[in-house]
Amino acid sequence: MQFAPSFPVMLRTDDGVRIDAAHTPPTGSAARDVGIVVAHGFTGSWRERPARRIVHVLSAYGGVIAFDFRGHGRSGGESTVGDKEILDVAAAVRHARATGYRRVAVVGFSMGAAVAVRHAGLCEGADAVVAVSGPARWYYRGTKPMRQVHWIIEQPLGRWAARMAKRTRIAVGRWDPIPMPPHEAAALISPTPLLIVHGDADAFFPLDHARQLYEGAREPKELWIEPGYGHAESAATPELVRRIGKWISSNFS
């Protein structure tokens, strides 16, 4: 697949962290006043092929701002795994507005989904929110992949491995204070429309996370349980991403 052309952007958060990003203008008949911010999962990057494929598909529905969270890839700082990352999303949303997009949707995957929900609940800026494969609560260890994620975050050897293998720098120490969990932040999003997408084959977070997010949110909200869908960007098919793009368009029409 040949991806739509993108242009590098360097953003800066309110707490001074440099964020590596890219702007992909709208393609084809996409609305010229719609911006879509794409937030990747833990240890991901906008430069990886699954994320670039998603950006390419979404560019048919609006211009796309994709970025690396703090501590990831070429961005500065250290990852706080869902806490201060709301400032990264805020910087991307601001840039979308400054670029000329009048309506802005945030689409997050896994950790990015948690951040998208928390940003929408605690900050201003998003006109629609899509949370894909996201957790509803913190410290979940009920699956083997999530036990491995906690080992990476909490153990020196795990943090070293993430830095060497995935260019992800993780802050040392526990949250203090513990940030508001996504299912509580979801209650604060209304009247902004919220779409929750989750696969019944997700190996990281079982369906009760999606249901807890949905139950915590107020209208307008939708829940899509996708048969056979695994986890986050790597499992997202172009067909699913197109449906997400159409949902965004329907809420901006």
Protein backbone atom coordinates (compact mmCIF):
# COMPACT_ATOMS: atom_id res chain seq x y z
CA MET A 1 0.00 0.00 0.00
CA GLN A 2 1.25 3.46 -0.90
CA PHE A 3 0.39 5.80 1.93
CA ALA A 4 -0.93 9.34 1.57
CA PRO A 5 1.89 11.91 1.90
CA SER A 6 2.48 13.31 5.38
CA PHE A 7 4.51 16.28 6.58
CA PRO A 8 6.62 16.32 9.78
CA VAL A 9 5.56 18.59 12.63
CA MET A 10 7.16 19.29 16.00
CA LEU A 11 4.69 20.14 18.77
CA ARG A 12 5.27 21.35 22.31
CA THR A 13 3.08 20.49 25.29
CA ASP A 14 2.01 22.82 28.08
CA ASP A 15 4.69 21.28 30.30
CA GLY A 16 7.40 21.83 27.70
CA VAL A 17 7.80 18.36 26.14
CA ARG A 18 8.66 18.20 22.43
CA ILE A 19 6.29 15.90 20.53
CA ASP A 20 7.19 14.36 17.17
CA ALA A 21 4.16 14.43 14.86
CA ALA A 22 3.04 14.39 11.25
CA HIS A 23 0.19 16.05 9.35
CA THR A 24 -1.53 14.14 6.57
CA PRO A 25 -3.87 16.46 4.64
CA PRO A 26 -7.34 15.25 3.64
CA THR A 27 -7.47 13.12 0.52
CA GLY A 28 -10.11 12.67 -2.15
CA SER A 29 -13.51 14.01 -1.16
CA ALA A 30 -12.71 14.23 2.58
CA ALA A 31 -14.13 17.19 4.47
CA ARG A 32 -11.55 19.98 4.49
CA ASP A 33 -12.64 21.32 7.89
CA VAL A 34 -12.38 18.00 9.79
CA GLY A 35 -9.22 17.06 11.68
CA ILE A 36 -8.55 13.64 13.19
CA VAL A 37 -5.93 13.16 15.90
CA VAL A 38 -4.59 9.59 16.12
CA ALA A 39 -3.10 8.43 19.44
CA HIS A 40 -1.11 5.18 19.39
CA GLY A 41 -0.79 2.46 21.98
CA PHE A 42 1.99 1.85 24.55
CA THR A 43 5.43 1.37 22.89
CA GLY A 44 3.88 2.33 19.53
CA SER A 45 4.70 5.12 17.11
CA TRP A 46 3.02 7.03 14.30
CA ARG A 47 5.96 5.94 12.13
CA GLU A 48 5.11 2.23 12.38
CA ARG A 49 3.29 0.63 9.48
CA PRO A 50 0.01 -0.26 11.31
CA ALA A 51 -0.38 3.35 12.46
CA ARG A 52 0.51 4.73 9.03
CA ARG A 53 -2.09 2.44 7.45
CA ILE A 54 -4.74 3.76 9.84
CA VAL A 55 -3.76 7.37 9.08
CA HIS A 56 -3.96 6.65 5.37
CA VAL A 57 -7.50 5.27 5.64
CA LEU A 58 -8.69 8.07 7.95
CA SER A 59 -7.33 10.75 5.60
CA ALA A 60 -10.31 9.97 3.35
CA TYR A 61 -12.49 11.49 6.11
CA GLY A 62 -10.38 14.47 7.17
CA GLY A 63 -6.86 15.73 7.76
CA VAL A 64 -4.92 13.61 10.24
CA ILE A 65 -2.46 14.62 12.96
CA ALA A 66 -0.55 11.56 14.19
CA PHE A 67 2.10 11.84 16.88
CA ASP A 68 4.39 9.94 19.23
CA PHE A 69 3.49 10.17 22.91
CA ARG A 70 6.15 11.52 25.27
CA GLY A 71 8.89 8.99 25.87
CA HIS A 72 8.15 7.26 22.56
CA GLY A 73 10.21 7.35 19.39
CA ARG A 74 11.53 10.82 18.57
CA SER A 75 9.39 12.65 21.13
CA GLY A 76 11.03 14.01 24.25
CA GLY A 77 10.35 13.24 27.88
CA GLU A 78 9.40 9.96 29.50
CA SER A 79 6.22 7.92 29.31
CA THR A 80 3.88 8.20 32.29
CA VAL A 81 1.72 5.45 30.74
CA GLY A 82 -1.52 7.41 30.52
CA ASP A 83 -1.21 10.26 33.01
CA LYS A 84 0.53 13.34 31.57
CA GLU A 85 -0.10 12.07 28.06
CA ILE A 86 -3.35 14.06 28.03
CA LEU A 87 -1.08 17.09 27.49
CA ASP A 88 0.31 15.42 24.36
CA VAL A 89 -3.19 14.97 22.95
CA ALA A 90 -4.01 18.56 23.85
CA ALA A 91 -0.98 19.76 21.87
CA ALA A 92 -2.06 17.71 18.84
CA VAL A 93 -5.63 19.02 19.04
CA ARG A 94 -4.33 22.60 19.26
CA HIS A 95 -2.20 22.04 16.19
CA ALA A 96 -5.19 20.63 14.30
CA ARG A 97 -7.14 23.80 15.14
CA ALA A 98 -4.21 26.02 14.14
CA THR A 99 -3.97 24.14 10.84
CA GLY A 100 -7.54 25.20 10.08
CA TYR A 101 -9.62 22.19 11.07
CA ARG A 102 -12.82 23.50 12.61
CA ARG A 103 -14.00 20.15 14.00
CA VAL A 104 -11.56 17.72 15.60
CA ALA A 105 -12.01 14.05 16.53
CA VAL A 106 -9.53 12.10 18.66
CA VAL A 107 -9.05 8.39 17.89
CA GLY A 108 -7.01 6.46 20.44
CA PHE A 109 -5.81 2.86 20.54
CA SER A 110 -5.10 0.91 23.77
CA MET A 111 -3.15 3.31 26.00
CA GLY A 112 -4.03 6.01 23.49
CA ALA A 113 -7.70 5.15 23.97
CA ALA A 114 -7.39 5.66 27.73
CA VAL A 115 -5.65 8.98 27.12
CA ALA A 116 -8.27 10.06 24.55
CA VAL A 117 -11.06 9.40 27.04
CA ARG A 118 -9.24 11.17 29.87
CA HIS A 119 -8.40 14.14 27.64
CA ALA A 120 -12.02 14.50 26.51
CA GLY A 121 -13.27 14.28 30.09
CA LEU A 122 -10.72 16.57 31.70
CA CYS A 123 -9.74 19.01 28.95
CA GLU A 124 -11.46 20.99 26.23
CA GLY A 125 -10.86 20.59 22.53
CA ALA A 126 -12.26 17.34 21.15
CA ASP A 127 -15.53 17.38 19.22
CA ALA A 128 -15.76 13.56 19.03
CA VAL A 129 -13.85 10.73 20.70
CA VAL A 130 -13.15 7.16 19.60
CA ALA A 131 -11.60 4.71 22.09
CA VAL A 132 -10.37 1.48 20.50
CA SER A 133 -9.20 -1.48 22.63
CA GLY A 134 -8.89 0.73 25.70
CA PRO A 135 -8.73 -0.12 29.40
CA ALA A 136 -11.45 1.11 31.73
CA ARG A 137 -9.35 0.99 34.89
CA TRP A 138 -5.73 0.99 36.02
CA TYR A 139 -3.46 -1.81 37.26
CA TYR A 140 -5.30 -4.57 35.38
CA ARG A 141 -3.25 -7.80 35.44
CA GLY A 142 -5.89 -10.37 34.51
CA THR A 143 -4.27 -11.45 31.23
CA LYS A 144 -0.75 -12.65 30.46
CA PRO A 145 -0.01 -9.76 28.06
CA MET A 146 -0.96 -7.23 30.74
CA ARG A 147 1.21 -8.97 33.33
CA GLN A 148 4.06 -8.63 30.84
CA VAL A 149 3.25 -4.93 30.33
CA HIS A 150 3.41 -4.34 34.09
CA TRP A 151 6.78 -6.11 34.24
CA ILE A 152 8.07 -3.78 31.52
CA ILE A 153 6.81 -0.70 33.37
CA GLU A 154 7.83 -1.68 36.89
CA GLN A 155 11.13 -3.55 36.54
CA PRO A 156 14.49 -1.97 35.59
CA LEU A 157 15.21 -4.76 33.11
CA GLY A 158 11.77 -4.30 31.56
CA ARG A 159 12.29 -0.55 31.16
CA TRP A 160 15.71 -1.19 29.62
CA ALA A 161 14.18 -3.67 27.17
CA ALA A 162 11.47 -1.18 26.17
CA ARG A 163 14.07 1.51 25.60
CA MET A 164 16.34 -0.71 23.52
CA ALA A 165 13.73 -2.65 21.52
CA LYS A 166 10.94 -0.08 21.12
CA ARG A 167 12.59 3.30 21.78
CA THR A 168 10.21 3.81 24.70
CA ARG A 169 11.54 5.60 27.79
CA ILE A 170 9.39 4.96 30.86
CA ALA A 171 9.36 7.17 33.95
CA VAL A 172 10.52 5.49 37.15
CA GLY A 173 8.21 5.34 40.14
CA ARG A 174 4.51 5.10 40.85
CA TRP A 175 1.84 7.65 40.02
CA ASP A 176 1.38 10.25 42.75
CA PRO A 177 -1.44 11.06 42.77
CA ILE A 178 -3.15 8.26 40.86
CA PRO A 179 -4.83 9.84 37.80
CA MET A 180 -8.56 9.59 37.27
CA PRO A 181 -9.29 6.20 35.62
CA PRO A 182 -10.85 6.17 32.15
CA HIS A 183 -14.25 4.85 33.27
CA GLU A 184 -14.64 7.83 35.60
CA ALA A 185 -13.41 10.32 33.00
CA ALA A 186 -15.92 8.87 30.52
CA ALA A 187 -18.73 10.28 32.65
CA LEU A 188 -17.42 13.80 32.00
CA ILE A 189 -17.28 13.62 28.19
CA SER A 190 -20.95 14.34 27.39
CA PRO A 191 -22.22 16.14 25.31
CA THR A 192 -19.22 15.22 23.13
CA PRO A 193 -20.06 11.98 21.25
CA LEU A 194 -18.09 8.91 22.32
CA LEU A 195 -17.54 5.69 20.38
CA ILE A 196 -16.06 2.66 22.18
CA VAL A 197 -14.70 -0.12 19.96
CA HIS A 198 -13.50 -3.43 21.38
CA GLY A 199 -12.78 -6.88 20.00
CA ASP A 200 -14.06 -10.09 21.50
CA ALA A 201 -10.63 -11.61 20.76
CA ASP A 202 -8.63 -8.92 22.60
CA ALA A 203 -5.82 -10.69 24.45
CA PHE A 204 -5.00 -7.66 26.63
CA PHE A 205 -8.33 -6.33 27.92
CA PRO A 206 -11.51 -8.46 28.07
CA LEU A 207 -14.88 -7.05 27.07
CA ASP A 208 -15.78 -5.97 30.59
CA HIS A 209 -13.42 -3.01 30.11
CA ALA A 210 -15.41 -1.78 27.11
CA ARG A 211 -18.68 -2.31 28.95
CA GLN A 212 -17.41 -0.45 32.03
CA LEU A 213 -16.38 2.50 29.85
CA TYR A 214 -19.76 2.48 28.12
CA GLU A 215 -21.72 2.24 31.35
CA GLY A 216 -19.68 5.04 32.87
CA ALA A 217 -20.32 7.40 29.95
CA ARG A 218 -23.42 9.48 29.30
CA GLU A 219 -25.20 9.96 25.99
CA PRO A 220 -24.35 10.40 23.19
CA LYS A 221 -22.37 7.16 23.19
CA GLU A 222 -22.00 3.96 21.15
CA LEU A 223 -20.41 0.58 21.83
CA TRP A 224 -19.17 -1.67 19.03
CA ILE A 225 -18.20 -5.21 19.99
CA GLU A 226 -16.22 -6.51 17.01
CA PRO A 227 -16.26 -10.31 16.45
CA GLY A 228 -12.79 -11.76 15.96
CA TYR A 229 -11.02 -8.43 16.45
CA GLY A 230 -7.85 -8.60 18.51
CA HIS A 231 -6.04 -5.63 20.00
CA ALA A 232 -5.42 -2.06 18.89
CA GLU A 233 -3.62 -0.89 15.73
CA SER A 234 -2.05 -4.14 14.62
CA ALA A 235 -5.43 -5.91 14.41
CA ALA A 236 -7.48 -3.03 13.00
CA THR A 237 -8.61 -3.81 9.46
CA PRO A 238 -9.09 -1.09 6.83
CA GLU A 239 -12.81 -1.93 6.89
CA LEU A 240 -13.04 -1.21 10.64
CA VAL A 241 -11.07 2.01 10.28
CA ARG A 242 -13.36 3.12 7.44
CA ARG A 243 -16.39 2.50 9.67
CA ILE A 244 -14.76 4.66 12.33
CA GLY A 245 -14.16 7.36 9.73
CA LYS A 246 -17.82 7.21 8.68
CA TRP A 247 -18.90 7.47 12.33
CA ILE A 248 -16.82 10.62 12.69
CA SER A 249 -18.31 12.06 9.50
CA SER A 250 -21.85 11.26 10.65
CA ASN A 251 -21.30 13.18 13.87
CA PHE A 252 -19.91 16.18 12.00
CA SER A 253 -22.54 16.36 9.28
